[in-house]
Amino acid sequence: MRTLVFTEKALKDLQKLDKLAKRRIIKTLHQFRLDDQEALPLTGSWKNWYKLRVGNYRILLTKERNNIWIVGYLRHRKEVYKKK
Protein backbone atom coordinates (compact mmCIF):
# COMPACT_ATOMS: atom_id res chain seq x y z
CA MET A 1 0.00 0.00 0.00
CA ARG A 2 1.23 3.47 -0.90
CA THR A 3 1.10 6.56 1.31
CA LEU A 4 -0.04 9.81 -0.31
CA VAL A 5 0.93 13.24 1.00
CA PHE A 6 -0.78 16.32 -0.47
CA THR A 7 0.94 19.65 -0.97
CA GLU A 8 -0.98 22.83 -0.19
CA LYS A 9 -1.19 23.53 -3.94
CA ALA A 10 -2.73 20.12 -4.57
CA LEU A 11 -5.33 20.66 -1.86
CA LYS A 12 -6.21 24.09 -3.30
CA ASP A 13 -6.44 22.56 -6.79
CA LEU A 14 -8.79 19.87 -5.45
CA GLN A 15 -11.04 22.43 -3.74
CA LYS A 16 -11.46 24.36 -7.02
CA LEU A 17 -12.81 21.35 -8.94
CA ASP A 18 -16.46 20.52 -9.47
CA LYS A 19 -18.08 17.72 -7.46
CA LEU A 20 -17.89 15.06 -10.19
CA ALA A 21 -14.22 15.73 -10.97
CA LYS A 22 -13.35 15.60 -7.25
CA ARG A 23 -15.11 12.27 -6.87
CA ARG A 24 -13.31 10.74 -9.86
CA ILE A 25 -9.92 12.04 -8.73
CA ILE A 26 -10.38 10.74 -5.19
CA LYS A 27 -11.41 7.34 -6.57
CA THR A 28 -8.32 7.22 -8.82
CA LEU A 29 -6.02 8.21 -5.95
CA HIS A 30 -7.59 5.51 -3.78
CA GLN A 31 -6.93 2.90 -6.48
CA PHE A 32 -3.37 4.16 -6.85
CA ARG A 33 -2.90 3.99 -3.08
CA LEU A 34 -3.98 0.34 -3.09
CA ASP A 35 -1.47 -0.48 -5.88
CA ASP A 36 -4.31 -1.07 -8.36
CA GLN A 37 -3.10 1.63 -10.74
CA GLU A 38 0.35 2.69 -11.97
CA ALA A 39 1.54 6.24 -12.56
CA LEU A 40 3.34 7.02 -15.83
CA PRO A 41 6.75 8.74 -15.66
CA LEU A 42 7.15 12.17 -17.26
CA THR A 43 10.15 13.48 -19.21
CA GLY A 44 11.90 16.77 -19.95
CA SER A 45 11.54 19.49 -17.33
CA TRP A 46 9.11 17.19 -15.48
CA LYS A 47 11.71 14.46 -14.96
CA ASN A 48 11.18 12.65 -11.62
CA TRP A 49 7.44 13.39 -11.80
CA TYR A 50 4.67 10.89 -12.57
CA LYS A 51 1.13 11.35 -13.84
CA LEU A 52 -2.25 9.77 -13.36
CA ARG A 53 -4.93 10.51 -15.95
CA VAL A 54 -8.51 11.15 -14.83
CA GLY A 55 -10.58 12.22 -17.83
CA ASN A 56 -9.40 15.72 -18.76
CA TYR A 57 -7.52 16.11 -15.48
CA ARG A 58 -3.99 15.10 -14.54
CA ILE A 59 -2.59 14.28 -11.13
CA LEU A 60 1.15 14.94 -10.91
CA LEU A 61 3.10 13.09 -8.24
CA THR A 62 6.69 12.61 -7.12
CA LYS A 63 8.04 9.57 -5.34
CA GLU A 64 9.87 10.22 -2.09
CA ARG A 65 11.07 7.01 -0.48
CA ASN A 66 9.71 3.50 -0.32
CA ASN A 67 5.97 3.86 -0.92
CA ILE A 68 5.56 7.54 -0.06
CA TRP A 69 4.21 9.69 -2.90
CA ILE A 70 3.74 13.47 -2.91
CA VAL A 71 0.66 14.74 -4.77
CA GLY A 72 1.85 18.03 -6.26
CA TYR A 73 -0.79 19.18 -8.75
CA LEU A 74 -4.39 18.33 -9.72
CA ARG A 75 -5.27 20.33 -12.81
CA HIS A 76 -6.90 20.28 -16.22
CA ARG A 77 -4.66 18.77 -18.88
CA LYS A 78 -4.33 22.13 -20.69
CA GLU A 79 -2.96 23.84 -17.57
CA VAL A 80 -1.00 21.20 -15.70
CA TYR A 81 2.19 21.13 -17.79
CA LYS A 82 2.70 24.90 -17.97
CA LYS A 83 6.08 26.03 -16.73
CA LYS A 84 6.46 25.35 -13.02
PDB file of N, CA and C in Angstrom:
ATOM      1  N   MET A   1       0.843  -1.182   0.000  1.00  0.00           N
ATOM      2  CA  MET A   1       0.000   0.000   0.000  1.00  0.00           C
ATOM      3  C   MET A   1       0.891   1.249   0.000  1.00  0.00           C
ATOM      4  N   ARG A   2       0.490   2.219  -0.797  1.00  0.00           N
ATOM      5  CA  ARG A   2       1.233   3.474  -0.900  1.00  0.00           C
ATOM      6  C   ARG A   2       0.658   4.516   0.065  1.00  0.00           C
ATOM      7  N   THR A   3       1.525   5.430   0.486  1.00  0.00           N
ATOM      8  CA  THR A   3       1.102   6.559   1.307  1.00  0.00           C
ATOM      9  C   THR A   3       1.121   7.803   0.442  1.00  0.00           C
ATOM     10  N   LEU A   4       0.045   8.574   0.465  1.00  0.00           N
ATOM     11  CA  LEU A   4      -0.042   9.808  -0.308  1.00  0.00           C
ATOM     12  C   LEU A   4       0.001  11.009   0.624  1.00  0.00           C
ATOM     13  N   VAL A   5       0.830  11.986   0.260  1.00  0.00           N
ATOM     14  CA  VAL A   5       0.929  13.238   1.004  1.00  0.00           C
ATOM     15  C   VAL A   5       0.585  14.356   0.026  1.00  0.00           C
ATOM     16  N   PHE A   6      -0.338  15.226   0.402  1.00  0.00           N
ATOM     17  CA  PHE A   6      -0.779  16.318  -0.470  1.00  0.00           C
ATOM     18  C   PHE A   6      -0.039  17.605  -0.133  1.00  0.00           C
ATOM     19  N   THR A   7       0.390  18.316  -1.176  1.00  0.00           N
ATOM     20  CA  THR A   7       0.943  19.652  -0.974  1.00  0.00           C
ATOM     21  C   THR A   7      -0.222  20.621  -0.803  1.00  0.00           C
ATOM     22  N   GLU A   8       0.069  21.820  -0.320  1.00  0.00           N
ATOM     23  CA  GLU A   8      -0.984  22.830  -0.190  1.00  0.00           C
ATOM     24  C   GLU A   8      -1.571  23.180  -1.550  1.00  0.00           C
ATOM     25  N   LYS A   9      -0.702  23.237  -2.582  1.00  0.00           N
ATOM     26  CA  LYS A   9      -1.188  23.529  -3.938  1.00  0.00           C
ATOM     27  C   LYS A   9      -2.176  22.470  -4.399  1.00  0.00           C
ATOM     28  N   ALA A  10      -1.850  21.211  -4.143  1.00  0.00           N
ATOM     29  CA  ALA A  10      -2.729  20.124  -4.572  1.00  0.00           C
ATOM     30  C   ALA A  10      -4.076  20.205  -3.866  1.00  0.00           C
ATOM     31  N   LEU A  11      -4.065  20.527  -2.590  1.00  0.00           N
ATOM     32  CA  LEU A  11      -5.330  20.664  -1.856  1.00  0.00           C
ATOM     33  C   LEU A  11      -6.157  21.831  -2.386  1.00  0.00           C
ATOM     34  N   LYS A  12      -5.500  22.940  -2.715  1.00  0.00           N
ATOM     35  CA  LYS A  12      -6.212  24.087  -3.300  1.00  0.00           C
ATOM     36  C   LYS A  12      -6.776  23.720  -4.664  1.00  0.00           C
ATOM     37  N   ASP A  13      -5.972  23.002  -5.474  1.00  0.00           N
ATOM     38  CA  ASP A  13      -6.443  22.555  -6.787  1.00  0.00           C
ATOM     39  C   ASP A  13      -7.680  21.678  -6.638  1.00  0.00           C
ATOM     40  N   LEU A  14      -7.667  20.775  -5.670  1.00  0.00           N
ATOM     41  CA  LEU A  14      -8.789  19.866  -5.450  1.00  0.00           C
ATOM     42  C   LEU A  14     -10.047  20.636  -5.040  1.00  0.00           C
ATOM     43  N   GLN A  15      -9.894  21.638  -4.198  1.00  0.00           N
ATOM     44  CA  GLN A  15     -11.043  22.426  -3.743  1.00  0.00           C
ATOM     45  C   GLN A  15     -11.703  23.195  -4.881  1.00  0.00           C
ATOM     46  N   LYS A  16     -10.938  23.569  -5.897  1.00  0.00           N
ATOM     47  CA  LYS A  16     -11.461  24.361  -7.016  1.00  0.00           C
ATOM     48  C   LYS A  16     -12.290  23.532  -8.001  1.00  0.00           C
ATOM     49  N   LEU A  17     -12.150  22.214  -7.958  1.00  0.00           N
ATOM     50  CA  LEU A  17     -12.806  21.353  -8.942  1.00  0.00           C
ATOM     51  C   LEU A  17     -14.281  21.154  -8.627  1.00  0.00           C
ATOM     52  N   ASP A  18     -15.042  20.808  -9.675  1.00  0.00           N
ATOM     53  CA  ASP A  18     -16.459  20.516  -9.470  1.00  0.00           C
ATOM     54  C   ASP A  18     -16.613  19.162  -8.770  1.00  0.00           C
ATOM     55  N   LYS A  19     -17.796  18.899  -8.280  1.00  0.00           N
ATOM     56  CA  LYS A  19     -18.077  17.721  -7.460  1.00  0.00           C
ATOM     57  C   LYS A  19     -17.748  16.402  -8.174  1.00  0.00           C
ATOM     58  N   LEU A  20     -18.132  16.284  -9.437  1.00  0.00           N
ATOM     59  CA  LEU A  20     -17.889  15.055 -10.186  1.00  0.00           C
ATOM     60  C   LEU A  20     -16.394  14.817 -10.393  1.00  0.00           C
ATOM     61  N   ALA A  21     -15.663  15.856 -10.762  1.00  0.00           N
ATOM     62  CA  ALA A  21     -14.218  15.725 -10.967  1.00  0.00           C
ATOM     63  C   ALA A  21     -13.527  15.331  -9.666  1.00  0.00           C
ATOM     64  N   LYS A  22     -13.926  15.946  -8.559  1.00  0.00           N
ATOM     65  CA  LYS A  22     -13.354  15.596  -7.248  1.00  0.00           C
ATOM     66  C   LYS A  22     -13.555  14.121  -6.947  1.00  0.00           C
ATOM     67  N   ARG A  23     -14.776  13.656  -7.163  1.00  0.00           N
ATOM     68  CA  ARG A  23     -15.112  12.265  -6.867  1.00  0.00           C
ATOM     69  C   ARG A  23     -14.256  11.310  -7.701  1.00  0.00           C
ATOM     70  N   ARG A  24     -14.103  11.606  -8.980  1.00  0.00           N
ATOM     71  CA  ARG A  24     -13.313  10.743  -9.864  1.00  0.00           C
ATOM     72  C   ARG A  24     -11.835  10.756  -9.480  1.00  0.00           C
ATOM     73  N   ILE A  25     -11.323  11.931  -9.123  1.00  0.00           N
ATOM     74  CA  ILE A  25      -9.916  12.045  -8.735  1.00  0.00           C
ATOM     75  C   ILE A  25      -9.659  11.297  -7.430  1.00  0.00           C
ATOM     76  N   ILE A  26     -10.546  11.444  -6.469  1.00  0.00           N
ATOM     77  CA  ILE A  26     -10.379  10.739  -5.195  1.00  0.00           C
ATOM     78  C   ILE A  26     -10.429   9.230  -5.406  1.00  0.00           C
ATOM     79  N   LYS A  27     -11.321   8.775  -6.269  1.00  0.00           N
ATOM     80  CA  LYS A  27     -11.413   7.341  -6.572  1.00  0.00           C
ATOM     81  C   LYS A  27     -10.116   6.844  -7.212  1.00  0.00           C
ATOM     82  N   THR A  28      -9.567   7.602  -8.156  1.00  0.00           N
ATOM     83  CA  THR A  28      -8.319   7.223  -8.822  1.00  0.00           C
ATOM     84  C   THR A  28      -7.164   7.190  -7.829  1.00  0.00           C
ATOM     85  N   LEU A  29      -7.085   8.189  -6.957  1.00  0.00           N
ATOM     86  CA  LEU A  29      -6.022   8.213  -5.950  1.00  0.00           C
ATOM     87  C   LEU A  29      -6.154   7.036  -4.985  1.00  0.00           C
ATOM     88  N   HIS A  30      -7.372   6.669  -4.650  1.00  0.00           N
ATOM     89  CA  HIS A  30      -7.593   5.510  -3.776  1.00  0.00           C
ATOM     90  C   HIS A  30      -7.098   4.230  -4.455  1.00  0.00           C
ATOM     91  N   GLN A  31      -7.410   4.067  -5.736  1.00  0.00           N
ATOM     92  CA  GLN A  31      -6.934   2.895  -6.475  1.00  0.00           C
ATOM     93  C   GLN A  31      -5.413   2.888  -6.557  1.00  0.00           C
ATOM     94  N   PHE A  32      -4.823   4.045  -6.795  1.00  0.00           N
ATOM     95  CA  PHE A  32      -3.365   4.157  -6.850  1.00  0.00           C
ATOM     96  C   PHE A  32      -2.761   3.794  -5.496  1.00  0.00           C
ATOM     97  N   ARG A  33      -3.368   4.272  -4.438  1.00  0.00           N
ATOM     98  CA  ARG A  33      -2.896   3.994  -3.084  1.00  0.00           C
ATOM     99  C   ARG A  33      -2.897   2.499  -2.781  1.00  0.00           C
ATOM    100  N   LEU A  34      -3.865   1.787  -3.320  1.00  0.00           N
ATOM    101  CA  LEU A  34      -3.976   0.343  -3.092  1.00  0.00           C
ATOM    102  C   LEU A  34      -3.173  -0.476  -4.099  1.00  0.00           C
ATOM    103  N   ASP A  35      -2.308   0.176  -4.866  1.00  0.00           N
ATOM    104  CA  ASP A  35      -1.466  -0.476  -5.877  1.00  0.00           C
ATOM    105  C   ASP A  35      -2.265  -1.059  -7.036  1.00  0.00           C
ATOM    106  N   ASP A  36      -3.492  -0.583  -7.251  1.00  0.00           N
ATOM    107  CA  ASP A  36      -4.307  -1.072  -8.359  1.00  0.00           C
ATOM    108  C   ASP A  36      -4.066  -0.299  -9.647  1.00  0.00           C
ATOM    109  N   GLN A  37      -3.335   0.796  -9.567  1.00  0.00           N
ATOM    110  CA  GLN A  37      -3.097   1.629 -10.743  1.00  0.00           C
ATOM    111  C   GLN A  37      -1.663   2.137 -10.699  1.00  0.00           C
ATOM    112  N   GLU A  38      -1.027   2.206 -11.871  1.00  0.00           N
ATOM    113  CA  GLU A  38       0.351   2.686 -11.967  1.00  0.00           C
ATOM    114  C   GLU A  38       0.396   4.098 -12.529  1.00  0.00           C
ATOM    115  N   ALA A  39       1.328   4.886 -12.047  1.00  0.00           N
ATOM    116  CA  ALA A  39       1.545   6.239 -12.562  1.00  0.00           C
ATOM    117  C   ALA A  39       2.586   6.172 -13.674  1.00  0.00           C
ATOM    118  N   LEU A  40       2.409   6.986 -14.698  1.00  0.00           N
ATOM    119  CA  LEU A  40       3.337   7.016 -15.828  1.00  0.00           C
ATOM    120  C   LEU A  40       4.403   8.081 -15.603  1.00  0.00           C
ATOM    121  N   PRO A  41       5.683   7.748 -15.857  1.00  0.00           N
ATOM    122  CA  PRO A  41       6.752   8.737 -15.665  1.00  0.00           C
ATOM    123  C   PRO A  41       6.706   9.825 -16.729  1.00  0.00           C
ATOM    124  N   LEU A  42       7.082  11.037 -16.337  1.00  0.00           N
ATOM    125  CA  LEU A  42       7.152  12.166 -17.260  1.00  0.00           C
ATOM    126  C   LEU A  42       8.605  12.403 -17.663  1.00  0.00           C
ATOM    127  N   THR A  43       8.799  13.208 -18.710  1.00  0.00           N
ATOM    128  CA  THR A  43      10.149  13.476 -19.210  1.00  0.00           C
ATOM    129  C   THR A  43      10.387  14.982 -19.296  1.00  0.00           C
ATOM    130  N   GLY A  44      11.566  15.351 -19.755  1.00  0.00           N
ATOM    131  CA  GLY A  44      11.900  16.766 -19.947  1.00  0.00           C
ATOM    132  C   GLY A  44      12.024  17.495 -18.623  1.00  0.00           C
ATOM    133  N   SER A  45      11.441  18.693 -18.558  1.00  0.00           N
ATOM    134  CA  SER A  45      11.535  19.489 -17.331  1.00  0.00           C
ATOM    135  C   SER A  45      10.719  18.877 -16.188  1.00  0.00           C
ATOM    136  N   TRP A  46       9.909  17.881 -16.499  1.00  0.00           N
ATOM    137  CA  TRP A  46       9.107  17.187 -15.485  1.00  0.00           C
ATOM    138  C   TRP A  46       9.723  15.850 -15.086  1.00  0.00           C
ATOM    139  N   LYS A  47      11.012  15.685 -15.352  1.00  0.00           N
ATOM    140  CA  LYS A  47      11.706  14.457 -14.960  1.00  0.00           C
ATOM    141  C   LYS A  47      11.537  14.261 -13.450  1.00  0.00           C
ATOM    142  N   ASN A  48      11.418  13.043 -13.022  1.00  0.00           N
ATOM    143  CA  ASN A  48      11.183  12.654 -11.618  1.00  0.00           C
ATOM    144  C   ASN A  48       9.742  12.897 -11.168  1.00  0.00           C
ATOM    145  N   TRP A  49       8.862  13.252 -12.090  1.00  0.00           N
ATOM    146  CA  TRP A  49       7.438  13.387 -11.805  1.00  0.00           C
ATOM    147  C   TRP A  49       6.694  12.263 -12.520  1.00  0.00           C
ATOM    148  N   TYR A  50       5.529  11.924 -11.991  1.00  0.00           N
ATOM    149  CA  TYR A  50       4.675  10.894 -12.572  1.00  0.00           C
ATOM    150  C   TYR A  50       3.276  11.471 -12.727  1.00  0.00           C
ATOM    151  N   LYS A  51       2.494  10.859 -13.638  1.00  0.00           N
ATOM    152  CA  LYS A  51       1.127  11.354 -13.837  1.00  0.00           C
ATOM    153  C   LYS A  51       0.112  10.231 -13.752  1.00  0.00           C
ATOM    154  N   LEU A  52      -1.056  10.609 -13.301  1.00  0.00           N
ATOM    155  CA  LEU A  52      -2.245   9.767 -13.362  1.00  0.00           C
ATOM    156  C   LEU A  52      -3.270  10.538 -14.184  1.00  0.00           C
ATOM    157  N   ARG A  53      -3.916   9.865 -15.117  1.00  0.00           N
ATOM    158  CA  ARG A  53      -4.934  10.508 -15.947  1.00  0.00           C
ATOM    159  C   ARG A  53      -6.317  10.219 -15.383  1.00  0.00           C
ATOM    160  N   VAL A  54      -7.119  11.275 -15.282  1.00  0.00           N
ATOM    161  CA  VAL A  54      -8.510  11.148 -14.834  1.00  0.00           C
ATOM    162  C   VAL A  54      -9.340  12.017 -15.764  1.00  0.00           C
ATOM    163  N   GLY A  55      -9.829  11.440 -16.847  1.00  0.00           N
ATOM    164  CA  GLY A  55     -10.579  12.218 -17.834  1.00  0.00           C
ATOM    165  C   GLY A  55      -9.711  13.329 -18.392  1.00  0.00           C
ATOM    166  N   ASN A  56     -10.168  14.571 -18.282  1.00  0.00           N
ATOM    167  CA  ASN A  56      -9.404  15.723 -18.760  1.00  0.00           C
ATOM    168  C   ASN A  56      -8.467  16.291 -17.703  1.00  0.00           C
ATOM    169  N   TYR A  57      -8.371  15.630 -16.570  1.00  0.00           N
ATOM    170  CA  TYR A  57      -7.519  16.108 -15.482  1.00  0.00           C
ATOM    171  C   TYR A  57      -6.286  15.222 -15.341  1.00  0.00           C
ATOM    172  N   ARG A  58      -5.223  15.830 -14.796  1.00  0.00           N
ATOM    173  CA  ARG A  58      -3.986  15.103 -14.543  1.00  0.00           C
ATOM    174  C   ARG A  58      -3.596  15.307 -13.089  1.00  0.00           C
ATOM    175  N   ILE A  59      -3.129  14.235 -12.489  1.00  0.00           N
ATOM    176  CA  ILE A  59      -2.593  14.283 -11.134  1.00  0.00           C
ATOM    177  C   ILE A  59      -1.094  14.085 -11.275  1.00  0.00           C
ATOM    178  N   LEU A  60      -0.307  15.049 -10.826  1.00  0.00           N
ATOM    179  CA  LEU A  60       1.147  14.939 -10.905  1.00  0.00           C
ATOM    180  C   LEU A  60       1.699  14.618  -9.526  1.00  0.00           C
ATOM    181  N   LEU A  61       2.558  13.582  -9.501  1.00  0.00           N
ATOM    182  CA  LEU A  61       3.104  13.090  -8.244  1.00  0.00           C
ATOM    183  C   LEU A  61       4.614  12.929  -8.342  1.00  0.00           C
ATOM    184  N   THR A  62       5.275  12.969  -7.202  1.00  0.00           N
ATOM    185  CA  THR A  62       6.690  12.611  -7.117  1.00  0.00           C
ATOM    186  C   THR A  62       6.812  11.506  -6.081  1.00  0.00           C
ATOM    187  N   LYS A  63       7.817  10.665  -6.278  1.00  0.00           N
ATOM    188  CA  LYS A  63       8.042   9.566  -5.341  1.00  0.00           C
ATOM    189  C   LYS A  63       9.145   9.970  -4.377  1.00  0.00           C
ATOM    190  N   GLU A  64       8.875   9.874  -3.101  1.00  0.00           N
ATOM    191  CA  GLU A  64       9.868  10.217  -2.086  1.00  0.00           C
ATOM    192  C   GLU A  64      10.717   8.989  -1.772  1.00  0.00           C
ATOM    193  N   ARG A  65      10.332   8.214  -0.825  1.00  0.00           N
ATOM    194  CA  ARG A  65      11.068   7.010  -0.479  1.00  0.00           C
ATOM    195  C   ARG A  65      10.071   5.882  -0.250  1.00  0.00           C
ATOM    196  N   ASN A  66      10.548   4.688  -0.450  1.00  0.00           N
ATOM    197  CA  ASN A  66       9.706   3.503  -0.317  1.00  0.00           C
ATOM    198  C   ASN A  66       8.373   3.713  -1.030  1.00  0.00           C
ATOM    199  N   ASN A  67       7.300   3.710  -0.311  1.00  0.00           N
ATOM    200  CA  ASN A  67       5.973   3.864  -0.921  1.00  0.00           C
ATOM    201  C   ASN A  67       5.310   5.176  -0.543  1.00  0.00           C
ATOM    202  N   ILE A  68       6.108   6.227  -0.378  1.00  0.00           N
ATOM    203  CA  ILE A  68       5.560   7.545  -0.059  1.00  0.00           C
ATOM    204  C   ILE A  68       5.561   8.395  -1.323  1.00  0.00           C
ATOM    205  N   TRP A  69       4.382   8.875  -1.703  1.00  0.00           N
ATOM    206  CA  TRP A  69       4.206   9.687  -2.905  1.00  0.00           C
ATOM    207  C   TRP A  69       3.658  11.054  -2.516  1.00  0.00           C
ATOM    208  N   ILE A  70       4.196  12.103  -3.144  1.00  0.00           N
ATOM    209  CA  ILE A  70       3.740  13.469  -2.907  1.00  0.00           C
ATOM    210  C   ILE A  70       2.828  13.879  -4.063  1.00  0.00           C
ATOM    211  N   VAL A  71       1.589  14.249  -3.755  1.00  0.00           N
ATOM    212  CA  VAL A  71       0.658  14.743  -4.766  1.00  0.00           C
ATOM    213  C   VAL A  71       0.914  16.243  -4.902  1.00  0.00           C
ATOM    214  N   GLY A  72       1.446  16.648  -6.064  1.00  0.00           N
ATOM    215  CA  GLY A  72       1.847  18.035  -6.257  1.00  0.00           C
ATOM    216  C   GLY A  72       0.812  18.907  -6.930  1.00  0.00           C
ATOM    217  N   TYR A  73       0.155  18.376  -7.961  1.00  0.00           N
ATOM    218  CA  TYR A  73      -0.792  19.179  -8.746  1.00  0.00           C
ATOM    219  C   TYR A  73      -1.984  18.326  -9.158  1.00  0.00           C
ATOM    220  N   LEU A  74      -3.154  18.943  -9.215  1.00  0.00           N
ATOM    221  CA  LEU A  74      -4.389  18.326  -9.715  1.00  0.00           C
ATOM    222  C   LEU A  74      -5.040  19.361 -10.614  1.00  0.00           C
ATOM    223  N   ARG A  75      -4.778  19.283 -11.904  1.00  0.00           N
ATOM    224  CA  ARG A  75      -5.271  20.331 -12.806  1.00  0.00           C
ATOM    225  C   ARG A  75      -5.755  19.759 -14.135  1.00  0.00           C
ATOM    226  N   HIS A  76      -6.453  20.620 -14.874  1.00  0.00           N
ATOM    227  CA  HIS A  76      -6.900  20.281 -16.220  1.00  0.00           C
ATOM    228  C   HIS A  76      -5.680  20.043 -17.097  1.00  0.00           C
ATOM    229  N   ARG A  77      -5.809  19.155 -18.051  1.00  0.00           N
ATOM    230  CA  ARG A  77      -4.660  18.769 -18.882  1.00  0.00           C
ATOM    231  C   ARG A  77      -4.059  19.932 -19.656  1.00  0.00           C
ATOM    232  N   LYS A  78      -4.848  20.966 -19.957  1.00  0.00           N
ATOM    233  CA  LYS A  78      -4.329  22.128 -20.687  1.00  0.00           C
ATOM    234  C   LYS A  78      -3.461  23.020 -19.803  1.00  0.00           C
ATOM    235  N   GLU A  79      -3.660  22.946 -18.496  1.00  0.00           N
ATOM    236  CA  GLU A  79      -2.960  23.836 -17.573  1.00  0.00           C
ATOM    237  C   GLU A  79      -1.826  23.170 -16.805  1.00  0.00           C
ATOM    238  N   VAL A  80      -1.891  21.870 -16.654  1.00  0.00           N
ATOM    239  CA  VAL A  80      -1.003  21.199 -15.705  1.00  0.00           C
ATOM    240  C   VAL A  80       0.475  21.227 -16.093  1.00  0.00           C
ATOM    241  N   TYR A  81       0.795  21.214 -17.377  1.00  0.00           N
ATOM    242  CA  TYR A  81       2.193  21.132 -17.791  1.00  0.00           C
ATOM    243  C   TYR A  81       2.826  22.489 -18.062  1.00  0.00           C
ATOM    244  N   LYS A  82       2.115  23.570 -17.783  1.00  0.00           N
ATOM    245  CA  LYS A  82       2.705  24.895 -17.971  1.00  0.00           C
ATOM    246  C   LYS A  82       3.898  25.034 -17.045  1.00  0.00           C
ATOM    247  N   LYS A  83       4.825  25.881 -17.453  1.00  0.00           N
ATOM    248  CA  LYS A  83       6.084  26.031 -16.727  1.00  0.00           C
ATOM    249  C   LYS A  83       5.865  26.148 -15.223  1.00  0.00           C
ATOM    250  N   LYS A  84       6.612  25.333 -14.476  1.00  0.00           N
ATOM    251  CA  LYS A  84       6.458  25.347 -13.017  1.00  0.00           C
ATOM    252  C   LYS A  84       7.308  26.402 -12.368  1.00  0.00           C
TER     253      LYS A  84
END
